[in-house]
N, C-alpha and C. Protein backbone atom coordinates (compact mmCIF):
# COMPACT_ATOMS: atom_id res chain seq x y z
N UNK A 1 -15.02 -3.49 6.04
CA UNK A 1 -14.65 -2.09 6.19
C UNK A 1 -14.39 -1.51 4.81
N UNK A 2 -15.00 -0.37 4.51
CA UNK A 2 -14.77 0.25 3.21
C UNK A 2 -13.51 1.11 3.24
N UNK A 3 -13.16 1.67 2.10
CA UNK A 3 -11.92 2.45 1.98
C UNK A 3 -11.94 3.66 2.92
N UNK A 4 -13.06 4.37 2.94
CA UNK A 4 -13.16 5.55 3.80
C UNK A 4 -12.94 5.19 5.27
N UNK A 5 -13.56 4.11 5.73
CA UNK A 5 -13.41 3.69 7.12
C UNK A 5 -11.97 3.27 7.43
N UNK A 6 -11.34 2.56 6.51
CA UNK A 6 -9.95 2.14 6.71
C UNK A 6 -9.02 3.36 6.77
N UNK A 7 -9.26 4.33 5.89
CA UNK A 7 -8.44 5.55 5.90
C UNK A 7 -8.61 6.30 7.21
N UNK A 8 -9.85 6.41 7.66
CA UNK A 8 -10.14 7.13 8.90
C UNK A 8 -9.44 6.47 10.09
N UNK A 9 -9.44 5.16 10.13
CA UNK A 9 -8.79 4.42 11.22
C UNK A 9 -7.29 4.71 11.24
N UNK A 10 -6.66 4.72 10.07
CA UNK A 10 -5.22 4.99 9.99
C UNK A 10 -4.91 6.43 10.41
N UNK A 11 -5.72 7.37 9.98
CA UNK A 11 -5.52 8.77 10.38
C UNK A 11 -5.61 8.88 11.90
N UNK A 12 -6.58 8.20 12.50
CA UNK A 12 -6.72 8.23 13.96
C UNK A 12 -5.50 7.62 14.64
N UNK A 13 -4.96 6.54 14.08
CA UNK A 13 -3.75 5.93 14.65
C UNK A 13 -2.58 6.92 14.63
N UNK A 14 -2.41 7.63 13.53
CA UNK A 14 -1.30 8.56 13.40
C UNK A 14 -1.49 9.81 14.27
N UNK A 15 -2.73 10.14 14.60
CA UNK A 15 -2.98 11.30 15.45
C UNK A 15 -2.49 11.08 16.88
N UNK A 16 -2.21 9.84 17.24
CA UNK A 16 -1.69 9.53 18.58
C UNK A 16 -0.25 10.02 18.76
N UNK A 17 0.43 10.27 17.65
CA UNK A 17 1.84 10.64 17.71
C UNK A 17 2.01 12.14 17.52
N UNK A 18 2.89 12.73 18.33
CA UNK A 18 3.09 14.17 18.29
C UNK A 18 4.12 14.62 17.25
N UNK A 19 5.16 13.82 17.05
CA UNK A 19 6.18 14.26 16.10
C UNK A 19 6.40 13.21 15.02
N UNK A 20 7.07 13.64 13.99
CA UNK A 20 7.24 12.78 12.82
C UNK A 20 8.10 11.56 13.13
N UNK A 21 9.08 11.66 14.01
CA UNK A 21 9.92 10.51 14.32
C UNK A 21 9.09 9.37 14.93
N UNK A 22 8.11 9.73 15.74
CA UNK A 22 7.22 8.70 16.29
C UNK A 22 6.39 8.06 15.19
N UNK A 23 5.94 8.86 14.26
CA UNK A 23 5.18 8.33 13.12
C UNK A 23 6.06 7.44 12.26
N UNK A 24 7.27 7.86 12.06
CA UNK A 24 8.24 7.09 11.27
C UNK A 24 8.48 5.72 11.93
N UNK A 25 8.65 5.73 13.24
CA UNK A 25 8.84 4.47 13.98
C UNK A 25 7.61 3.58 13.88
N UNK A 26 6.44 4.18 13.87
CA UNK A 26 5.20 3.42 13.72
C UNK A 26 5.15 2.75 12.34
N UNK A 27 5.58 3.47 11.31
CA UNK A 27 5.62 2.89 9.96
C UNK A 27 6.58 1.70 9.93
N UNK A 28 7.70 1.82 10.63
CA UNK A 28 8.65 0.71 10.73
C UNK A 28 7.99 -0.49 11.40
N UNK A 29 7.24 -0.24 12.47
CA UNK A 29 6.52 -1.34 13.15
C UNK A 29 5.50 -1.98 12.22
N UNK A 30 4.83 -1.16 11.43
CA UNK A 30 3.88 -1.70 10.45
C UNK A 30 4.60 -2.56 9.42
N UNK A 31 5.81 -2.17 9.07
CA UNK A 31 6.61 -2.97 8.14
C UNK A 31 6.93 -4.33 8.71
N UNK A 32 7.20 -4.37 9.99
CA UNK A 32 7.52 -5.64 10.65
C UNK A 32 6.29 -6.55 10.72
N UNK A 33 5.10 -5.95 10.71
CA UNK A 33 3.87 -6.75 10.83
C UNK A 33 3.21 -7.05 9.48
N UNK A 34 3.85 -6.64 8.40
CA UNK A 34 3.29 -6.94 7.07
C UNK A 34 3.30 -8.46 6.87
N UNK A 35 2.14 -9.05 6.58
CA UNK A 35 2.12 -10.50 6.36
C UNK A 35 3.07 -10.90 5.23
N UNK A 36 3.73 -12.02 5.41
CA UNK A 36 4.70 -12.49 4.42
C UNK A 36 4.03 -12.81 3.10
N UNK A 37 4.66 -12.41 2.03
CA UNK A 37 4.21 -12.78 0.70
C UNK A 37 4.82 -14.15 0.37
N UNK A 38 4.13 -14.93 -0.37
CA UNK A 38 4.66 -16.23 -0.78
C UNK A 38 5.92 -16.01 -1.61
N UNK A 39 6.97 -16.78 -1.34
CA UNK A 39 8.24 -16.62 -2.05
C UNK A 39 8.11 -16.75 -3.56
N UNK A 40 7.10 -17.49 -4.03
CA UNK A 40 6.94 -17.65 -5.48
C UNK A 40 6.59 -16.33 -6.17
N UNK A 41 6.19 -15.31 -5.39
CA UNK A 41 5.88 -14.00 -5.97
C UNK A 41 7.04 -13.02 -5.85
N UNK A 42 8.15 -13.46 -5.30
CA UNK A 42 9.34 -12.60 -5.21
C UNK A 42 10.20 -12.81 -6.46
N UNK A 43 9.59 -12.50 -7.59
CA UNK A 43 10.26 -12.62 -8.87
C UNK A 43 10.16 -11.28 -9.60
N UNK A 44 10.91 -11.16 -10.68
CA UNK A 44 10.88 -9.92 -11.46
C UNK A 44 9.49 -9.59 -11.98
N UNK A 45 8.68 -10.61 -12.20
CA UNK A 45 7.32 -10.38 -12.72
C UNK A 45 6.49 -9.52 -11.75
N UNK A 46 6.74 -9.64 -10.46
CA UNK A 46 5.96 -8.93 -9.45
C UNK A 46 6.71 -7.75 -8.83
N UNK A 47 7.90 -7.49 -9.33
CA UNK A 47 8.73 -6.39 -8.84
C UNK A 47 8.18 -5.07 -9.38
N UNK A 48 8.05 -4.09 -8.50
CA UNK A 48 7.54 -2.77 -8.91
C UNK A 48 8.72 -1.91 -9.34
N UNK A 49 8.65 -1.41 -10.54
CA UNK A 49 9.72 -0.52 -11.00
C UNK A 49 9.46 0.90 -10.47
N UNK A 50 10.51 1.66 -10.31
CA UNK A 50 10.37 3.03 -9.83
C UNK A 50 10.57 3.18 -8.34
N UNK A 51 10.83 2.07 -7.65
CA UNK A 51 11.07 2.12 -6.21
C UNK A 51 12.57 2.09 -5.93
N UNK A 52 12.98 2.82 -4.91
CA UNK A 52 14.38 2.83 -4.49
C UNK A 52 14.79 1.45 -4.00
N UNK A 53 13.92 0.81 -3.27
CA UNK A 53 14.18 -0.55 -2.78
C UNK A 53 13.39 -1.55 -3.63
N UNK A 54 13.66 -2.81 -3.40
CA UNK A 54 12.94 -3.83 -4.15
C UNK A 54 11.60 -4.08 -3.47
N UNK A 55 10.53 -3.99 -4.26
CA UNK A 55 9.18 -4.19 -3.74
C UNK A 55 8.45 -5.15 -4.67
N UNK A 56 7.91 -6.20 -4.07
CA UNK A 56 7.12 -7.17 -4.83
C UNK A 56 5.67 -7.00 -4.41
N UNK A 57 4.78 -7.01 -5.40
CA UNK A 57 3.35 -6.85 -5.14
C UNK A 57 2.59 -7.90 -5.92
N UNK A 58 1.73 -8.62 -5.22
CA UNK A 58 0.89 -9.62 -5.85
C UNK A 58 -0.56 -9.29 -5.54
N UNK A 59 -1.43 -9.52 -6.50
CA UNK A 59 -2.86 -9.30 -6.29
C UNK A 59 -3.63 -10.47 -6.85
N UNK A 60 -4.71 -10.80 -6.17
CA UNK A 60 -5.61 -11.82 -6.69
C UNK A 60 -7.04 -11.34 -6.53
N UNK A 61 -7.91 -11.91 -7.34
CA UNK A 61 -9.31 -11.51 -7.38
C UNK A 61 -10.16 -12.68 -6.91
N UNK A 62 -10.94 -12.44 -5.83
CA UNK A 62 -11.81 -13.47 -5.29
C UNK A 62 -13.13 -12.84 -4.87
N UNK A 63 -14.21 -13.46 -5.29
CA UNK A 63 -15.55 -13.03 -4.86
C UNK A 63 -15.80 -11.54 -5.09
N UNK A 64 -15.32 -11.02 -6.21
CA UNK A 64 -15.57 -9.63 -6.56
C UNK A 64 -14.67 -8.61 -5.89
N UNK A 65 -13.66 -9.10 -5.16
CA UNK A 65 -12.76 -8.18 -4.46
C UNK A 65 -11.30 -8.51 -4.76
N UNK A 66 -10.45 -7.50 -4.58
CA UNK A 66 -9.01 -7.64 -4.83
C UNK A 66 -8.30 -7.83 -3.49
N UNK A 67 -7.38 -8.77 -3.47
CA UNK A 67 -6.57 -9.05 -2.28
C UNK A 67 -5.10 -8.87 -2.65
N UNK A 68 -4.41 -8.04 -1.87
CA UNK A 68 -3.01 -7.74 -2.15
C UNK A 68 -2.09 -8.37 -1.10
N UNK A 69 -0.89 -8.69 -1.53
CA UNK A 69 0.20 -9.03 -0.62
C UNK A 69 1.46 -8.41 -1.19
N UNK A 70 2.41 -8.11 -0.31
CA UNK A 70 3.62 -7.42 -0.75
C UNK A 70 4.78 -7.75 0.17
N UNK A 71 5.97 -7.42 -0.31
CA UNK A 71 7.17 -7.51 0.50
C UNK A 71 8.20 -6.55 -0.07
N UNK A 72 9.18 -6.22 0.73
CA UNK A 72 10.25 -5.33 0.30
C UNK A 72 11.51 -5.68 1.08
N UNK A 73 12.65 -5.29 0.53
CA UNK A 73 13.90 -5.48 1.24
C UNK A 73 14.21 -4.29 2.15
N UNK A 74 13.31 -3.31 2.21
CA UNK A 74 13.48 -2.15 3.09
C UNK A 74 12.29 -2.07 4.05
N UNK A 75 12.56 -1.99 5.33
CA UNK A 75 11.51 -2.04 6.34
C UNK A 75 10.54 -0.86 6.24
N UNK A 76 11.02 0.34 5.94
CA UNK A 76 10.13 1.50 5.81
C UNK A 76 9.19 1.30 4.63
N UNK A 77 9.69 0.73 3.56
CA UNK A 77 8.87 0.47 2.37
C UNK A 77 7.82 -0.59 2.69
N UNK A 78 8.19 -1.59 3.47
CA UNK A 78 7.22 -2.59 3.90
C UNK A 78 6.10 -1.94 4.71
N UNK A 79 6.45 -0.97 5.55
CA UNK A 79 5.44 -0.26 6.33
C UNK A 79 4.50 0.54 5.46
N UNK A 80 5.04 1.18 4.45
CA UNK A 80 4.21 1.95 3.52
C UNK A 80 3.30 1.00 2.74
N UNK A 81 3.85 -0.13 2.31
CA UNK A 81 3.04 -1.13 1.61
C UNK A 81 1.91 -1.61 2.52
N UNK A 82 2.22 -1.81 3.79
CA UNK A 82 1.21 -2.24 4.75
C UNK A 82 0.07 -1.22 4.83
N UNK A 83 0.42 0.06 4.88
CA UNK A 83 -0.60 1.11 4.93
C UNK A 83 -1.50 1.09 3.69
N UNK A 84 -0.91 0.86 2.54
CA UNK A 84 -1.70 0.80 1.31
C UNK A 84 -2.59 -0.45 1.29
N UNK A 85 -2.02 -1.57 1.68
CA UNK A 85 -2.78 -2.83 1.66
C UNK A 85 -3.94 -2.77 2.65
N UNK A 86 -3.72 -2.20 3.82
CA UNK A 86 -4.80 -2.11 4.81
C UNK A 86 -6.01 -1.37 4.26
N UNK A 87 -5.79 -0.41 3.40
CA UNK A 87 -6.89 0.38 2.85
C UNK A 87 -7.49 -0.27 1.60
N UNK A 88 -6.64 -0.83 0.74
CA UNK A 88 -7.12 -1.28 -0.56
C UNK A 88 -7.47 -2.76 -0.68
N UNK A 89 -6.95 -3.60 0.20
CA UNK A 89 -7.25 -5.02 0.06
C UNK A 89 -8.70 -5.29 0.48
N UNK A 90 -9.27 -6.30 -0.11
CA UNK A 90 -10.67 -6.69 0.11
C UNK A 90 -11.67 -5.62 -0.34
N UNK A 91 -11.27 -4.83 -1.32
CA UNK A 91 -12.16 -3.83 -1.90
C UNK A 91 -12.48 -4.23 -3.34
N UNK A 92 -13.52 -3.65 -3.88
CA UNK A 92 -13.87 -3.94 -5.27
C UNK A 92 -12.91 -3.20 -6.20
N UNK A 93 -12.71 -3.70 -7.39
CA UNK A 93 -11.84 -3.00 -8.33
C UNK A 93 -12.26 -1.55 -8.56
N UNK A 94 -13.55 -1.29 -8.71
CA UNK A 94 -13.98 0.08 -8.98
C UNK A 94 -13.70 1.00 -7.79
N UNK A 95 -13.89 0.50 -6.56
CA UNK A 95 -13.58 1.33 -5.39
C UNK A 95 -12.09 1.63 -5.31
N UNK A 96 -11.26 0.67 -5.65
CA UNK A 96 -9.80 0.88 -5.65
C UNK A 96 -9.41 1.92 -6.69
N UNK A 97 -9.95 1.77 -7.88
CA UNK A 97 -9.63 2.69 -8.98
C UNK A 97 -10.04 4.11 -8.63
N UNK A 98 -11.20 4.26 -8.01
CA UNK A 98 -11.74 5.59 -7.70
C UNK A 98 -11.15 6.20 -6.43
N UNK A 99 -10.43 5.42 -5.63
CA UNK A 99 -9.92 5.92 -4.36
C UNK A 99 -8.92 7.05 -4.56
N UNK A 100 -9.01 8.03 -3.69
CA UNK A 100 -8.12 9.20 -3.76
C UNK A 100 -6.94 9.05 -2.79
N UNK A 101 -7.07 8.17 -1.81
CA UNK A 101 -6.02 7.90 -0.82
C UNK A 101 -5.55 9.18 -0.13
N UNK A 102 -6.52 10.01 0.24
CA UNK A 102 -6.21 11.29 0.88
C UNK A 102 -5.58 11.12 2.27
N UNK A 103 -5.75 9.96 2.86
CA UNK A 103 -5.18 9.73 4.19
C UNK A 103 -3.66 9.84 4.18
N UNK A 104 -3.03 9.58 3.04
CA UNK A 104 -1.58 9.68 2.96
C UNK A 104 -1.11 11.11 3.20
N UNK A 105 -1.89 12.07 2.71
CA UNK A 105 -1.58 13.48 2.97
C UNK A 105 -1.93 13.85 4.42
N UNK A 106 -3.05 13.34 4.90
CA UNK A 106 -3.50 13.69 6.25
C UNK A 106 -2.52 13.23 7.32
N UNK A 107 -1.88 12.10 7.11
CA UNK A 107 -0.92 11.62 8.11
C UNK A 107 0.49 12.15 7.86
N UNK A 108 0.70 12.82 6.72
CA UNK A 108 1.98 13.47 6.45
C UNK A 108 3.03 12.60 5.80
N UNK A 109 2.63 11.47 5.27
CA UNK A 109 3.62 10.56 4.69
C UNK A 109 4.31 11.19 3.48
N UNK A 110 3.55 11.71 2.56
CA UNK A 110 4.13 12.24 1.33
C UNK A 110 5.15 13.34 1.59
N UNK A 111 4.85 14.21 2.53
CA UNK A 111 5.75 15.34 2.78
C UNK A 111 7.02 14.96 3.52
N UNK A 112 7.06 13.77 4.13
CA UNK A 112 8.23 13.36 4.89
C UNK A 112 9.06 12.28 4.22
N UNK A 113 8.70 11.91 3.01
CA UNK A 113 9.47 10.92 2.28
C UNK A 113 10.49 11.60 1.38
N UNK A 114 11.60 10.93 1.17
CA UNK A 114 12.58 11.44 0.21
C UNK A 114 11.96 11.36 -1.18
N UNK A 115 12.49 12.11 -2.14
CA UNK A 115 11.93 12.05 -3.50
C UNK A 115 11.91 10.63 -4.08
N UNK A 116 12.94 9.85 -3.81
CA UNK A 116 12.95 8.49 -4.37
C UNK A 116 11.91 7.61 -3.69
N UNK A 117 11.71 7.78 -2.39
CA UNK A 117 10.66 7.01 -1.70
C UNK A 117 9.28 7.48 -2.15
N UNK A 118 9.12 8.78 -2.39
CA UNK A 118 7.84 9.28 -2.90
C UNK A 118 7.51 8.67 -4.25
N UNK A 119 8.54 8.57 -5.10
CA UNK A 119 8.33 7.93 -6.40
C UNK A 119 7.92 6.47 -6.22
N UNK A 120 8.53 5.81 -5.25
CA UNK A 120 8.18 4.42 -4.96
C UNK A 120 6.75 4.28 -4.48
N UNK A 121 6.32 5.20 -3.62
CA UNK A 121 4.94 5.20 -3.14
C UNK A 121 3.98 5.34 -4.32
N UNK A 122 4.25 6.29 -5.18
CA UNK A 122 3.40 6.49 -6.36
C UNK A 122 3.40 5.26 -7.27
N UNK A 123 4.55 4.61 -7.40
CA UNK A 123 4.64 3.40 -8.21
C UNK A 123 3.80 2.27 -7.61
N UNK A 124 3.83 2.15 -6.27
CA UNK A 124 3.02 1.11 -5.62
C UNK A 124 1.53 1.38 -5.83
N UNK A 125 1.13 2.63 -5.65
CA UNK A 125 -0.28 2.99 -5.85
C UNK A 125 -0.70 2.70 -7.29
N UNK A 126 0.14 3.12 -8.22
CA UNK A 126 -0.16 2.91 -9.64
C UNK A 126 -0.33 1.42 -9.95
N UNK A 127 0.57 0.59 -9.42
CA UNK A 127 0.49 -0.85 -9.68
C UNK A 127 -0.75 -1.46 -9.05
N UNK A 128 -1.09 -1.03 -7.86
CA UNK A 128 -2.29 -1.55 -7.20
C UNK A 128 -3.55 -1.19 -7.99
N UNK A 129 -3.58 0.02 -8.50
CA UNK A 129 -4.74 0.44 -9.30
C UNK A 129 -4.75 -0.27 -10.66
N UNK A 130 -3.57 -0.55 -11.20
CA UNK A 130 -3.50 -1.28 -12.48
C UNK A 130 -4.04 -2.70 -12.32
N UNK A 131 -3.68 -3.35 -11.23
CA UNK A 131 -4.24 -4.68 -10.94
C UNK A 131 -5.76 -4.59 -10.88
N UNK A 132 -6.27 -3.61 -10.14
CA UNK A 132 -7.72 -3.46 -9.99
C UNK A 132 -8.39 -3.23 -11.35
N UNK A 133 -7.76 -2.40 -12.16
CA UNK A 133 -8.30 -2.11 -13.49
C UNK A 133 -8.32 -3.38 -14.35
N UNK A 134 -7.25 -4.15 -14.28
CA UNK A 134 -7.19 -5.41 -15.06
C UNK A 134 -8.27 -6.38 -14.60
N UNK A 135 -8.47 -6.50 -13.29
CA UNK A 135 -9.51 -7.39 -12.78
C UNK A 135 -10.89 -6.89 -13.20
N UNK A 136 -11.07 -5.59 -13.18
CA UNK A 136 -12.37 -5.01 -13.57
C UNK A 136 -12.67 -5.33 -15.04
N UNK A 137 -11.69 -5.16 -15.91
CA UNK A 137 -11.88 -5.44 -17.32
C UNK A 137 -12.13 -6.94 -17.57
N UNK A 138 -11.38 -7.76 -16.89
CA UNK A 138 -11.47 -9.20 -17.07
C UNK A 138 -12.81 -9.77 -16.59
N UNK A 139 -13.40 -9.12 -15.62
CA UNK A 139 -14.62 -9.67 -15.01
C UNK A 139 -15.89 -8.88 -15.32
N UNK A 140 -15.91 -8.20 -16.44
CA UNK A 140 -17.11 -7.48 -16.87
C UNK A 140 -18.09 -8.42 -17.48
């Protein structure tokens, strides 16, 4: 599944909900279903700065694609990380770097987050793209 298809699927999932509280609860459920990150990556080296809660992000490069895993001490943040990972994992570095992630606006996430959570979202996106950029440079 490419980035566009993954984004479209998420937008369709969020269209099932009429109000923001239902969407918020769905994000919490996504947080509960985020695959566990290996404990060896829950260190300061993988901690994302700029987030209100503690968020660890790990990326690896296999067969020309980037694979992400993450965890957080806040369930809503885990849900947001899950939404990002579902779109960006198993994609090429160049596709990740070029992605606009417009689905975040379409589902209303950005407008319903507190300023500190919005900063955290941007920090997660930035770190994911930085990993992709590093892999792209390393594997030219």
